[in-house]
Amino acid sequence: MKNSAIFLIIILTLLISACNQKKESKTTIISYPATIEDYLHNKFHHSVSSKLRIETKDSIAKYLFITKESSDTLEIVEMPFEINLNNPNEILIDTTSAKLIAQKNYTLKNKQLVVYKYFFDEPASADEEGFFFISENRIIAFNSLAWNLIKLFKYGGAQTTDLLVKDTTDFFYLHDVKTLQK
């Protein structure tokens, strides 16, 4: 009886200590080919081919647009950004918070998509204000308030950016011209 009580205490101690151990979070990395198109004053300016690299740990996804990658170097072509996948109310662009200000539903190939619009304004800085647009946890566009610059982030296949470009409401366009010219 005494041996079975000791055995039971040892088993319970092992179970309790096993339950108290924290699981180590794992980082997952996925990449997508991406093209970034720049429009200045609503006219095509240039495009850059890159790779969108998404590093996710727990509920935080970090995004990098990379043109060159080696074992010790990443050449990043856009500001990095971060999304808390459990909280769509704000994103981080580099280290600056951008707040969710609107969202709009679209349909693309019989699939319902939500596009989130975030306002970016770096404190104590001028002429960088603008809007970031996110859909399916990927940045799809940036529209600058100061420079009349639009950036479209395309990932192949049917493009959510095409829905934004064709949208003639004030959700996407900020200026009188409501089209982009290639």
N, C-alpha and C. Protein backbone atom coordinates (compact mmCIF):
# COMPACT_ATOMS: atom_id res chain seq x y z
N MET A 1 0.82 -1.19 0.00
CA MET A 1 0.00 0.00 0.00
C MET A 1 0.86 1.25 0.00
N LYS A 2 1.93 1.19 0.84
CA LYS A 2 2.82 2.33 0.93
C LYS A 2 3.53 2.54 -0.41
N ASN A 3 3.92 1.45 -1.08
CA ASN A 3 4.60 1.54 -2.38
C ASN A 3 3.68 2.10 -3.45
N SER A 4 2.41 1.72 -3.42
CA SER A 4 1.48 2.24 -4.43
C SER A 4 1.21 3.73 -4.19
N ALA A 5 1.21 4.20 -2.97
CA ALA A 5 1.04 5.63 -2.68
C ALA A 5 2.24 6.42 -3.18
N ILE A 6 3.43 5.89 -2.97
CA ILE A 6 4.65 6.56 -3.46
C ILE A 6 4.64 6.58 -4.99
N PHE A 7 4.26 5.47 -5.59
CA PHE A 7 4.19 5.38 -7.04
C PHE A 7 3.18 6.40 -7.59
N LEU A 8 2.03 6.52 -6.93
CA LEU A 8 1.00 7.48 -7.34
C LEU A 8 1.51 8.92 -7.22
N ILE A 9 2.22 9.23 -6.16
CA ILE A 9 2.79 10.57 -5.96
C ILE A 9 3.80 10.89 -7.07
N ILE A 10 4.64 9.91 -7.43
CA ILE A 10 5.64 10.11 -8.49
C ILE A 10 4.94 10.36 -9.82
N ILE A 11 3.93 9.58 -10.14
CA ILE A 11 3.19 9.74 -11.40
C ILE A 11 2.52 11.11 -11.44
N LEU A 12 1.86 11.52 -10.35
CA LEU A 12 1.20 12.83 -10.31
C LEU A 12 2.21 13.97 -10.46
N THR A 13 3.37 13.84 -9.83
CA THR A 13 4.42 14.85 -9.95
C THR A 13 4.89 14.97 -11.39
N LEU A 14 5.09 13.86 -12.05
CA LEU A 14 5.51 13.86 -13.45
C LEU A 14 4.44 14.47 -14.35
N LEU A 15 3.19 14.13 -14.11
CA LEU A 15 2.11 14.70 -14.91
C LEU A 15 2.00 16.21 -14.71
N ILE A 16 2.08 16.67 -13.48
CA ILE A 16 1.98 18.10 -13.20
C ILE A 16 3.14 18.86 -13.84
N SER A 17 4.35 18.32 -13.71
CA SER A 17 5.50 19.02 -14.30
C SER A 17 5.42 19.00 -15.83
N ALA A 18 4.89 17.94 -16.43
CA ALA A 18 4.73 17.89 -17.88
C ALA A 18 3.70 18.90 -18.35
N CYS A 19 2.64 19.08 -17.59
CA CYS A 19 1.60 20.05 -17.95
C CYS A 19 2.10 21.48 -17.81
N ASN A 20 3.00 21.73 -16.89
CA ASN A 20 3.50 23.08 -16.66
C ASN A 20 4.57 23.51 -17.66
N GLN A 21 5.12 22.58 -18.39
CA GLN A 21 6.13 22.96 -19.38
C GLN A 21 5.46 23.71 -20.51
N LYS A 22 6.07 24.83 -20.91
CA LYS A 22 5.54 25.63 -22.00
C LYS A 22 5.97 25.02 -23.31
N LYS A 23 5.02 25.00 -24.24
CA LYS A 23 5.37 24.54 -25.58
C LYS A 23 6.15 25.66 -26.26
N GLU A 24 7.23 25.29 -26.91
CA GLU A 24 8.03 26.27 -27.61
C GLU A 24 7.34 26.62 -28.93
N SER A 25 7.18 27.92 -29.18
CA SER A 25 6.55 28.37 -30.41
C SER A 25 7.47 28.13 -31.59
N LYS A 26 6.86 27.77 -32.68
CA LYS A 26 7.62 27.50 -33.89
C LYS A 26 7.34 28.62 -34.90
N THR A 27 8.36 29.06 -35.59
CA THR A 27 8.21 30.06 -36.63
C THR A 27 8.03 29.35 -37.97
N THR A 28 6.97 29.74 -38.68
CA THR A 28 6.78 29.21 -40.03
C THR A 28 7.08 30.32 -41.03
N ILE A 29 7.70 29.94 -42.13
CA ILE A 29 8.07 30.91 -43.17
C ILE A 29 7.48 30.43 -44.49
N ILE A 30 6.72 31.33 -45.12
CA ILE A 30 6.21 31.04 -46.46
C ILE A 30 6.55 32.23 -47.34
N SER A 31 6.65 31.97 -48.64
CA SER A 31 7.00 33.03 -49.59
C SER A 31 6.08 32.98 -50.80
N TYR A 32 5.84 34.16 -51.36
CA TYR A 32 5.06 34.31 -52.57
C TYR A 32 5.84 35.19 -53.54
N PRO A 33 5.83 34.86 -54.84
CA PRO A 33 6.38 35.83 -55.79
C PRO A 33 5.46 37.05 -55.80
N ALA A 34 6.05 38.23 -55.89
CA ALA A 34 5.26 39.46 -55.86
C ALA A 34 5.83 40.47 -56.85
N THR A 35 4.93 41.26 -57.41
CA THR A 35 5.33 42.38 -58.26
C THR A 35 4.76 43.63 -57.62
N ILE A 36 5.60 44.65 -57.48
CA ILE A 36 5.17 45.92 -56.91
C ILE A 36 5.16 46.94 -58.03
N GLU A 37 3.97 47.47 -58.33
CA GLU A 37 3.83 48.47 -59.39
C GLU A 37 3.64 49.84 -58.76
N ASP A 38 4.42 50.81 -59.22
CA ASP A 38 4.30 52.19 -58.74
C ASP A 38 3.63 53.06 -59.80
N TYR A 39 2.64 53.84 -59.36
CA TYR A 39 1.96 54.81 -60.22
C TYR A 39 2.17 56.18 -59.60
N LEU A 40 2.70 57.11 -60.37
CA LEU A 40 2.92 58.47 -59.91
C LEU A 40 1.99 59.38 -60.70
N HIS A 41 1.19 60.18 -60.01
CA HIS A 41 0.16 61.02 -60.63
C HIS A 41 -0.72 60.18 -61.55
N ASN A 42 -1.07 58.98 -61.07
CA ASN A 42 -1.97 58.03 -61.73
C ASN A 42 -1.44 57.46 -63.04
N LYS A 43 -0.14 57.63 -63.31
CA LYS A 43 0.48 57.04 -64.50
C LYS A 43 1.54 56.05 -64.05
N PHE A 44 1.62 54.94 -64.78
CA PHE A 44 2.59 53.90 -64.45
C PHE A 44 3.99 54.49 -64.45
N HIS A 45 4.75 54.21 -63.39
CA HIS A 45 6.11 54.71 -63.26
C HIS A 45 7.13 53.59 -63.43
N HIS A 46 7.03 52.54 -62.62
CA HIS A 46 7.90 51.36 -62.77
C HIS A 46 7.38 50.22 -61.91
N SER A 47 7.97 49.04 -62.11
CA SER A 47 7.61 47.89 -61.28
C SER A 47 8.87 47.16 -60.84
N VAL A 48 8.74 46.44 -59.75
CA VAL A 48 9.84 45.67 -59.17
C VAL A 48 9.34 44.26 -58.90
N SER A 49 10.11 43.27 -59.35
CA SER A 49 9.80 41.89 -59.00
C SER A 49 10.48 41.56 -57.68
N SER A 50 9.74 40.93 -56.81
CA SER A 50 10.29 40.59 -55.50
C SER A 50 9.63 39.32 -54.99
N LYS A 51 9.92 39.01 -53.76
CA LYS A 51 9.31 37.87 -53.09
C LYS A 51 8.77 38.38 -51.76
N LEU A 52 7.52 38.07 -51.47
CA LEU A 52 6.95 38.39 -50.17
C LEU A 52 7.26 37.22 -49.24
N ARG A 53 7.99 37.51 -48.20
CA ARG A 53 8.35 36.49 -47.21
C ARG A 53 7.56 36.79 -45.94
N ILE A 54 6.80 35.79 -45.47
CA ILE A 54 5.96 35.95 -44.28
C ILE A 54 6.49 35.00 -43.21
N GLU A 55 6.91 35.57 -42.08
CA GLU A 55 7.40 34.79 -40.94
C GLU A 55 6.34 34.88 -39.84
N THR A 56 5.74 33.75 -39.50
CA THR A 56 4.67 33.74 -38.51
C THR A 56 5.09 32.95 -37.28
N LYS A 57 4.93 33.59 -36.12
CA LYS A 57 5.18 32.94 -34.84
C LYS A 57 4.03 33.32 -33.92
N ASP A 58 3.39 32.32 -33.36
CA ASP A 58 2.17 32.53 -32.58
C ASP A 58 1.16 33.24 -33.47
N SER A 59 0.67 34.40 -33.10
CA SER A 59 -0.31 35.10 -33.93
C SER A 59 0.28 36.32 -34.63
N ILE A 60 1.59 36.47 -34.60
CA ILE A 60 2.25 37.62 -35.21
C ILE A 60 2.89 37.21 -36.54
N ALA A 61 2.49 37.91 -37.61
CA ALA A 61 3.06 37.64 -38.94
C ALA A 61 3.89 38.85 -39.36
N LYS A 62 5.16 38.62 -39.68
CA LYS A 62 6.07 39.68 -40.13
C LYS A 62 6.27 39.51 -41.63
N TYR A 63 6.17 40.62 -42.37
CA TYR A 63 6.20 40.62 -43.82
C TYR A 63 7.41 41.39 -44.33
N LEU A 64 8.13 40.77 -45.26
CA LEU A 64 9.28 41.41 -45.89
C LEU A 64 9.18 41.23 -47.40
N PHE A 65 9.39 42.32 -48.15
CA PHE A 65 9.49 42.22 -49.61
C PHE A 65 10.96 42.21 -49.96
N ILE A 66 11.41 41.11 -50.57
CA ILE A 66 12.84 40.87 -50.76
C ILE A 66 13.14 40.75 -52.26
N THR A 67 14.24 41.40 -52.70
CA THR A 67 14.68 41.21 -54.08
C THR A 67 15.89 40.29 -54.17
N LYS A 68 16.73 40.29 -53.13
CA LYS A 68 17.88 39.39 -53.10
C LYS A 68 17.96 38.76 -51.73
N GLU A 69 18.34 37.48 -51.72
CA GLU A 69 18.44 36.76 -50.45
C GLU A 69 19.63 35.82 -50.52
N SER A 70 20.48 35.91 -49.52
CA SER A 70 21.59 34.97 -49.39
C SER A 70 21.59 34.46 -47.96
N SER A 71 22.55 33.65 -47.60
CA SER A 71 22.55 33.05 -46.27
C SER A 71 22.68 34.09 -45.15
N ASP A 72 23.28 35.25 -45.44
CA ASP A 72 23.47 36.24 -44.38
C ASP A 72 22.90 37.62 -44.72
N THR A 73 22.25 37.78 -45.89
CA THR A 73 21.78 39.09 -46.31
C THR A 73 20.40 39.01 -46.95
N LEU A 74 19.56 39.98 -46.61
CA LEU A 74 18.27 40.16 -47.28
C LEU A 74 18.24 41.58 -47.83
N GLU A 75 17.91 41.73 -49.12
CA GLU A 75 17.73 43.06 -49.68
C GLU A 75 16.24 43.34 -49.71
N ILE A 76 15.82 44.26 -48.85
CA ILE A 76 14.41 44.56 -48.66
C ILE A 76 14.07 45.81 -49.46
N VAL A 77 12.95 45.76 -50.24
CA VAL A 77 12.59 46.88 -51.13
C VAL A 77 11.43 47.72 -50.61
N GLU A 78 10.74 47.28 -49.60
CA GLU A 78 9.64 48.04 -49.01
C GLU A 78 9.80 48.01 -47.50
N MET A 79 9.09 48.94 -46.83
CA MET A 79 9.12 48.91 -45.38
C MET A 79 8.52 47.59 -44.89
N PRO A 80 9.15 46.96 -43.90
CA PRO A 80 8.55 45.74 -43.35
C PRO A 80 7.27 46.09 -42.59
N PHE A 81 6.35 45.15 -42.54
CA PHE A 81 5.15 45.38 -41.75
C PHE A 81 4.78 44.12 -41.00
N GLU A 82 3.90 44.30 -40.03
CA GLU A 82 3.55 43.23 -39.11
C GLU A 82 2.05 43.26 -38.85
N ILE A 83 1.46 42.07 -38.83
CA ILE A 83 0.03 41.95 -38.53
C ILE A 83 -0.15 40.98 -37.37
N ASN A 84 -0.93 41.41 -36.38
CA ASN A 84 -1.37 40.50 -35.34
C ASN A 84 -2.62 39.83 -35.90
N LEU A 85 -2.53 38.55 -36.23
CA LEU A 85 -3.61 37.85 -36.91
C LEU A 85 -4.87 37.74 -36.05
N ASN A 86 -4.75 37.95 -34.74
CA ASN A 86 -5.90 37.92 -33.84
C ASN A 86 -6.51 39.30 -33.62
N ASN A 87 -5.89 40.35 -34.16
CA ASN A 87 -6.38 41.71 -33.94
C ASN A 87 -6.22 42.54 -35.21
N PRO A 88 -7.25 42.61 -36.05
CA PRO A 88 -7.13 43.36 -37.30
C PRO A 88 -7.28 44.87 -37.15
N ASN A 89 -7.36 45.38 -35.92
CA ASN A 89 -7.62 46.81 -35.72
C ASN A 89 -6.41 47.70 -35.98
N GLU A 90 -5.22 47.12 -36.05
CA GLU A 90 -4.04 47.90 -36.38
C GLU A 90 -2.96 46.99 -36.93
N ILE A 91 -2.07 47.59 -37.70
CA ILE A 91 -0.89 46.89 -38.21
C ILE A 91 0.31 47.76 -37.89
N LEU A 92 1.49 47.18 -37.95
CA LEU A 92 2.72 47.95 -37.77
C LEU A 92 3.42 48.05 -39.11
N ILE A 93 3.71 49.28 -39.52
CA ILE A 93 4.51 49.53 -40.72
C ILE A 93 5.86 49.97 -40.19
N ASP A 94 6.88 49.14 -40.42
CA ASP A 94 8.17 49.31 -39.78
C ASP A 94 7.91 49.31 -38.27
N THR A 95 7.98 50.43 -37.58
CA THR A 95 7.67 50.46 -36.15
C THR A 95 6.48 51.38 -35.84
N THR A 96 5.80 51.87 -36.87
CA THR A 96 4.71 52.82 -36.69
C THR A 96 3.36 52.12 -36.81
N SER A 97 2.49 52.38 -35.86
CA SER A 97 1.16 51.78 -35.86
C SER A 97 0.27 52.46 -36.91
N ALA A 98 -0.46 51.65 -37.66
CA ALA A 98 -1.46 52.16 -38.61
C ALA A 98 -2.81 51.59 -38.17
N LYS A 99 -3.77 52.48 -37.97
CA LYS A 99 -5.08 52.09 -37.43
C LYS A 99 -6.07 51.76 -38.54
N LEU A 100 -6.88 50.74 -38.29
CA LEU A 100 -7.96 50.37 -39.21
C LEU A 100 -9.01 51.48 -39.20
N ILE A 101 -9.35 51.99 -40.41
CA ILE A 101 -10.35 53.06 -40.48
C ILE A 101 -11.57 52.67 -41.31
N ALA A 102 -11.44 51.63 -42.15
CA ALA A 102 -12.59 51.21 -42.97
C ALA A 102 -12.33 49.80 -43.50
N GLN A 103 -13.39 49.19 -43.95
CA GLN A 103 -13.26 47.91 -44.63
C GLN A 103 -14.37 47.83 -45.67
N LYS A 104 -14.11 47.05 -46.73
CA LYS A 104 -15.08 46.94 -47.80
C LYS A 104 -15.08 45.50 -48.31
N ASN A 105 -16.28 45.00 -48.62
CA ASN A 105 -16.42 43.65 -49.17
C ASN A 105 -16.42 43.70 -50.69
N TYR A 106 -15.72 42.76 -51.29
CA TYR A 106 -15.67 42.60 -52.74
C TYR A 106 -15.94 41.14 -53.06
N THR A 107 -16.30 40.87 -54.31
CA THR A 107 -16.43 39.50 -54.79
C THR A 107 -15.47 39.32 -55.95
N LEU A 108 -14.65 38.27 -55.86
CA LEU A 108 -13.69 37.96 -56.91
C LEU A 108 -13.81 36.48 -57.23
N LYS A 109 -14.24 36.18 -58.45
CA LYS A 109 -14.43 34.78 -58.88
C LYS A 109 -15.28 34.00 -57.88
N ASN A 110 -16.44 34.58 -57.55
CA ASN A 110 -17.42 33.97 -56.64
C ASN A 110 -16.90 33.78 -55.22
N LYS A 111 -15.84 34.47 -54.86
CA LYS A 111 -15.28 34.39 -53.51
C LYS A 111 -15.42 35.75 -52.84
N GLN A 112 -15.95 35.76 -51.63
CA GLN A 112 -16.09 37.00 -50.88
C GLN A 112 -14.74 37.38 -50.26
N LEU A 113 -14.31 38.62 -50.48
CA LEU A 113 -13.07 39.13 -49.91
C LEU A 113 -13.35 40.39 -49.11
N VAL A 114 -12.62 40.56 -48.04
CA VAL A 114 -12.70 41.80 -47.27
C VAL A 114 -11.37 42.52 -47.45
N VAL A 115 -11.45 43.80 -47.80
CA VAL A 115 -10.26 44.64 -47.90
C VAL A 115 -10.31 45.61 -46.73
N TYR A 116 -9.22 45.64 -45.96
CA TYR A 116 -9.10 46.52 -44.80
C TYR A 116 -8.25 47.72 -45.17
N LYS A 117 -8.69 48.91 -44.75
CA LYS A 117 -7.99 50.16 -45.05
C LYS A 117 -7.43 50.73 -43.75
N TYR A 118 -6.11 50.97 -43.74
CA TYR A 118 -5.41 51.48 -42.56
C TYR A 118 -4.80 52.84 -42.86
N PHE A 119 -4.88 53.75 -41.89
CA PHE A 119 -4.26 55.07 -42.04
C PHE A 119 -2.88 55.06 -41.40
N PHE A 120 -1.89 55.48 -42.19
CA PHE A 120 -0.49 55.52 -41.75
C PHE A 120 -0.06 56.96 -41.63
N ASP A 121 0.45 57.33 -40.46
CA ASP A 121 0.99 58.67 -40.22
C ASP A 121 2.10 58.55 -39.20
N GLU A 122 3.31 58.76 -39.65
CA GLU A 122 4.46 58.67 -38.76
C GLU A 122 4.54 59.95 -37.92
N PRO A 123 4.54 59.82 -36.59
CA PRO A 123 4.58 61.01 -35.74
C PRO A 123 5.84 61.84 -36.00
N ALA A 124 5.70 63.13 -35.90
CA ALA A 124 6.82 64.09 -36.04
C ALA A 124 7.49 63.99 -37.41
N SER A 125 6.73 63.63 -38.41
CA SER A 125 7.25 63.57 -39.77
C SER A 125 6.21 64.15 -40.71
N ALA A 126 6.66 64.65 -41.85
CA ALA A 126 5.74 65.26 -42.80
C ALA A 126 5.80 64.52 -44.14
N ASP A 127 4.69 64.53 -44.84
CA ASP A 127 4.61 64.03 -46.22
C ASP A 127 4.83 62.53 -46.37
N GLU A 128 4.44 61.75 -45.41
CA GLU A 128 4.50 60.30 -45.57
C GLU A 128 3.13 59.67 -45.33
N GLU A 129 2.12 60.48 -45.05
CA GLU A 129 0.80 59.97 -44.72
C GLU A 129 0.19 59.23 -45.91
N GLY A 130 -0.56 58.19 -45.59
CA GLY A 130 -1.23 57.45 -46.65
C GLY A 130 -2.05 56.31 -46.09
N PHE A 131 -2.56 55.51 -46.99
CA PHE A 131 -3.43 54.40 -46.64
C PHE A 131 -2.83 53.09 -47.13
N PHE A 132 -2.82 52.09 -46.27
CA PHE A 132 -2.43 50.74 -46.64
C PHE A 132 -3.69 49.90 -46.73
N PHE A 133 -3.74 49.03 -47.72
CA PHE A 133 -4.88 48.15 -47.94
C PHE A 133 -4.41 46.70 -47.81
N ILE A 134 -5.12 45.93 -46.99
CA ILE A 134 -4.76 44.55 -46.69
C ILE A 134 -5.95 43.65 -47.02
N SER A 135 -5.67 42.51 -47.65
CA SER A 135 -6.69 41.50 -47.88
C SER A 135 -6.03 40.13 -47.78
N GLU A 136 -6.72 39.20 -47.17
CA GLU A 136 -6.20 37.84 -46.97
C GLU A 136 -4.81 37.87 -46.33
N ASN A 137 -4.65 38.77 -45.36
CA ASN A 137 -3.41 38.93 -44.60
C ASN A 137 -2.19 39.25 -45.46
N ARG A 138 -2.42 39.93 -46.58
CA ARG A 138 -1.32 40.41 -47.41
C ARG A 138 -1.61 41.84 -47.81
N ILE A 139 -0.57 42.65 -47.85
CA ILE A 139 -0.73 44.02 -48.31
C ILE A 139 -1.01 43.98 -49.81
N ILE A 140 -2.01 44.76 -50.25
CA ILE A 140 -2.33 44.77 -51.68
C ILE A 140 -2.15 46.14 -52.31
N ALA A 141 -2.11 47.20 -51.48
CA ALA A 141 -1.94 48.54 -52.06
C ALA A 141 -1.52 49.54 -50.99
N PHE A 142 -0.89 50.62 -51.46
CA PHE A 142 -0.60 51.80 -50.65
C PHE A 142 -0.98 53.00 -51.49
N ASN A 143 -1.68 53.96 -50.88
CA ASN A 143 -2.08 55.17 -51.56
C ASN A 143 -1.60 56.36 -50.72
N SER A 144 -0.67 57.13 -51.28
CA SER A 144 -0.04 58.24 -50.56
C SER A 144 -0.91 59.48 -50.61
N LEU A 145 -1.08 60.13 -49.47
CA LEU A 145 -1.79 61.40 -49.42
C LEU A 145 -0.92 62.54 -49.94
N ALA A 146 0.37 62.48 -49.68
CA ALA A 146 1.25 63.60 -49.97
C ALA A 146 1.84 63.59 -51.37
N TRP A 147 2.14 62.43 -51.89
CA TRP A 147 2.93 62.35 -53.13
C TRP A 147 2.13 61.94 -54.35
N ASN A 148 0.82 61.72 -54.21
CA ASN A 148 0.01 61.22 -55.32
C ASN A 148 0.65 59.97 -55.92
N LEU A 149 1.08 59.08 -55.04
CA LEU A 149 1.74 57.83 -55.39
C LEU A 149 0.86 56.67 -54.98
N ILE A 150 0.68 55.71 -55.89
CA ILE A 150 -0.05 54.49 -55.59
C ILE A 150 0.88 53.32 -55.85
N LYS A 151 0.93 52.40 -54.91
CA LYS A 151 1.69 51.16 -55.07
C LYS A 151 0.70 50.01 -55.05
N LEU A 152 0.79 49.14 -56.05
CA LEU A 152 -0.04 47.94 -56.10
C LEU A 152 0.86 46.73 -55.90
N PHE A 153 0.47 45.84 -55.01
CA PHE A 153 1.24 44.64 -54.70
C PHE A 153 0.47 43.46 -55.28
N LYS A 154 1.06 42.82 -56.31
CA LYS A 154 0.37 41.75 -57.03
C LYS A 154 1.08 40.43 -56.79
N TYR A 155 0.27 39.37 -56.63
CA TYR A 155 0.80 38.06 -56.26
C TYR A 155 0.49 36.97 -57.27
N GLY A 156 0.07 37.30 -58.46
CA GLY A 156 -0.25 36.28 -59.46
C GLY A 156 -1.70 35.86 -59.35
N GLY A 157 -2.24 35.33 -60.44
CA GLY A 157 -3.64 34.91 -60.43
C GLY A 157 -4.59 36.09 -60.43
N ALA A 158 -5.83 35.83 -60.07
CA ALA A 158 -6.83 36.89 -60.01
C ALA A 158 -6.40 37.92 -58.96
N GLN A 159 -6.50 39.18 -59.31
CA GLN A 159 -5.95 40.23 -58.46
C GLN A 159 -7.02 41.01 -57.71
N THR A 160 -6.88 41.06 -56.40
CA THR A 160 -7.73 41.94 -55.59
C THR A 160 -7.42 43.39 -55.93
N THR A 161 -6.18 43.67 -56.33
CA THR A 161 -5.82 45.05 -56.70
C THR A 161 -6.67 45.54 -57.86
N ASP A 162 -7.05 44.64 -58.78
CA ASP A 162 -7.91 45.05 -59.90
C ASP A 162 -9.26 45.56 -59.40
N LEU A 163 -9.76 44.96 -58.33
CA LEU A 163 -11.02 45.43 -57.75
C LEU A 163 -10.87 46.84 -57.18
N LEU A 164 -9.76 47.10 -56.53
CA LEU A 164 -9.51 48.44 -55.99
C LEU A 164 -9.40 49.47 -57.11
N VAL A 165 -8.64 49.13 -58.14
CA VAL A 165 -8.42 50.07 -59.26
C VAL A 165 -9.73 50.42 -59.95
N LYS A 166 -10.64 49.44 -60.04
CA LYS A 166 -11.93 49.67 -60.71
C LYS A 166 -12.96 50.33 -59.79
N ASP A 167 -12.67 50.40 -58.51
CA ASP A 167 -13.59 50.97 -57.53
C ASP A 167 -13.57 52.49 -57.67
N THR A 168 -14.70 53.08 -57.99
CA THR A 168 -14.75 54.53 -58.19
C THR A 168 -15.24 55.28 -56.96
N THR A 169 -15.36 54.58 -55.84
CA THR A 169 -15.76 55.26 -54.61
C THR A 169 -14.52 55.88 -53.97
N ASP A 170 -14.72 56.57 -52.89
CA ASP A 170 -13.60 57.18 -52.17
C ASP A 170 -12.88 56.19 -51.27
N PHE A 171 -13.26 54.92 -51.32
CA PHE A 171 -12.57 53.92 -50.50
C PHE A 171 -11.11 53.81 -50.92
N PHE A 172 -10.81 53.86 -52.22
CA PHE A 172 -9.44 53.71 -52.69
C PHE A 172 -8.84 55.00 -53.22
N TYR A 173 -9.50 55.64 -54.17
CA TYR A 173 -8.94 56.84 -54.80
C TYR A 173 -9.10 58.06 -53.90
N LEU A 174 -8.06 58.90 -53.92
CA LEU A 174 -8.06 60.09 -53.08
C LEU A 174 -8.19 61.37 -53.89
N HIS A 175 -7.92 61.29 -55.16
CA HIS A 175 -7.85 62.48 -56.00
C HIS A 175 -8.97 62.44 -57.04
N ASP A 176 -9.07 63.48 -57.84
CA ASP A 176 -10.15 63.57 -58.83
C ASP A 176 -10.08 62.45 -59.86
N VAL A 177 -8.89 62.06 -60.27
CA VAL A 177 -8.75 61.02 -61.28
C VAL A 177 -9.09 59.68 -60.64
N LYS A 178 -9.96 58.91 -61.26
CA LYS A 178 -10.42 57.65 -60.69
C LYS A 178 -9.95 56.45 -61.50
N THR A 179 -8.85 56.59 -62.24
CA THR A 179 -8.28 55.47 -63.00
C THR A 179 -6.77 55.55 -62.98
N LEU A 180 -6.13 54.44 -63.25
CA LEU A 180 -4.69 54.39 -63.40
C LEU A 180 -4.38 54.08 -64.85
N GLN A 181 -3.32 54.68 -65.38
CA GLN A 181 -2.94 54.47 -66.77
C GLN A 181 -1.61 53.74 -66.83
N LYS A 182 -1.58 52.69 -67.65
CA LYS A 182 -0.34 51.92 -67.85
C LYS A 182 0.55 52.62 -68.84
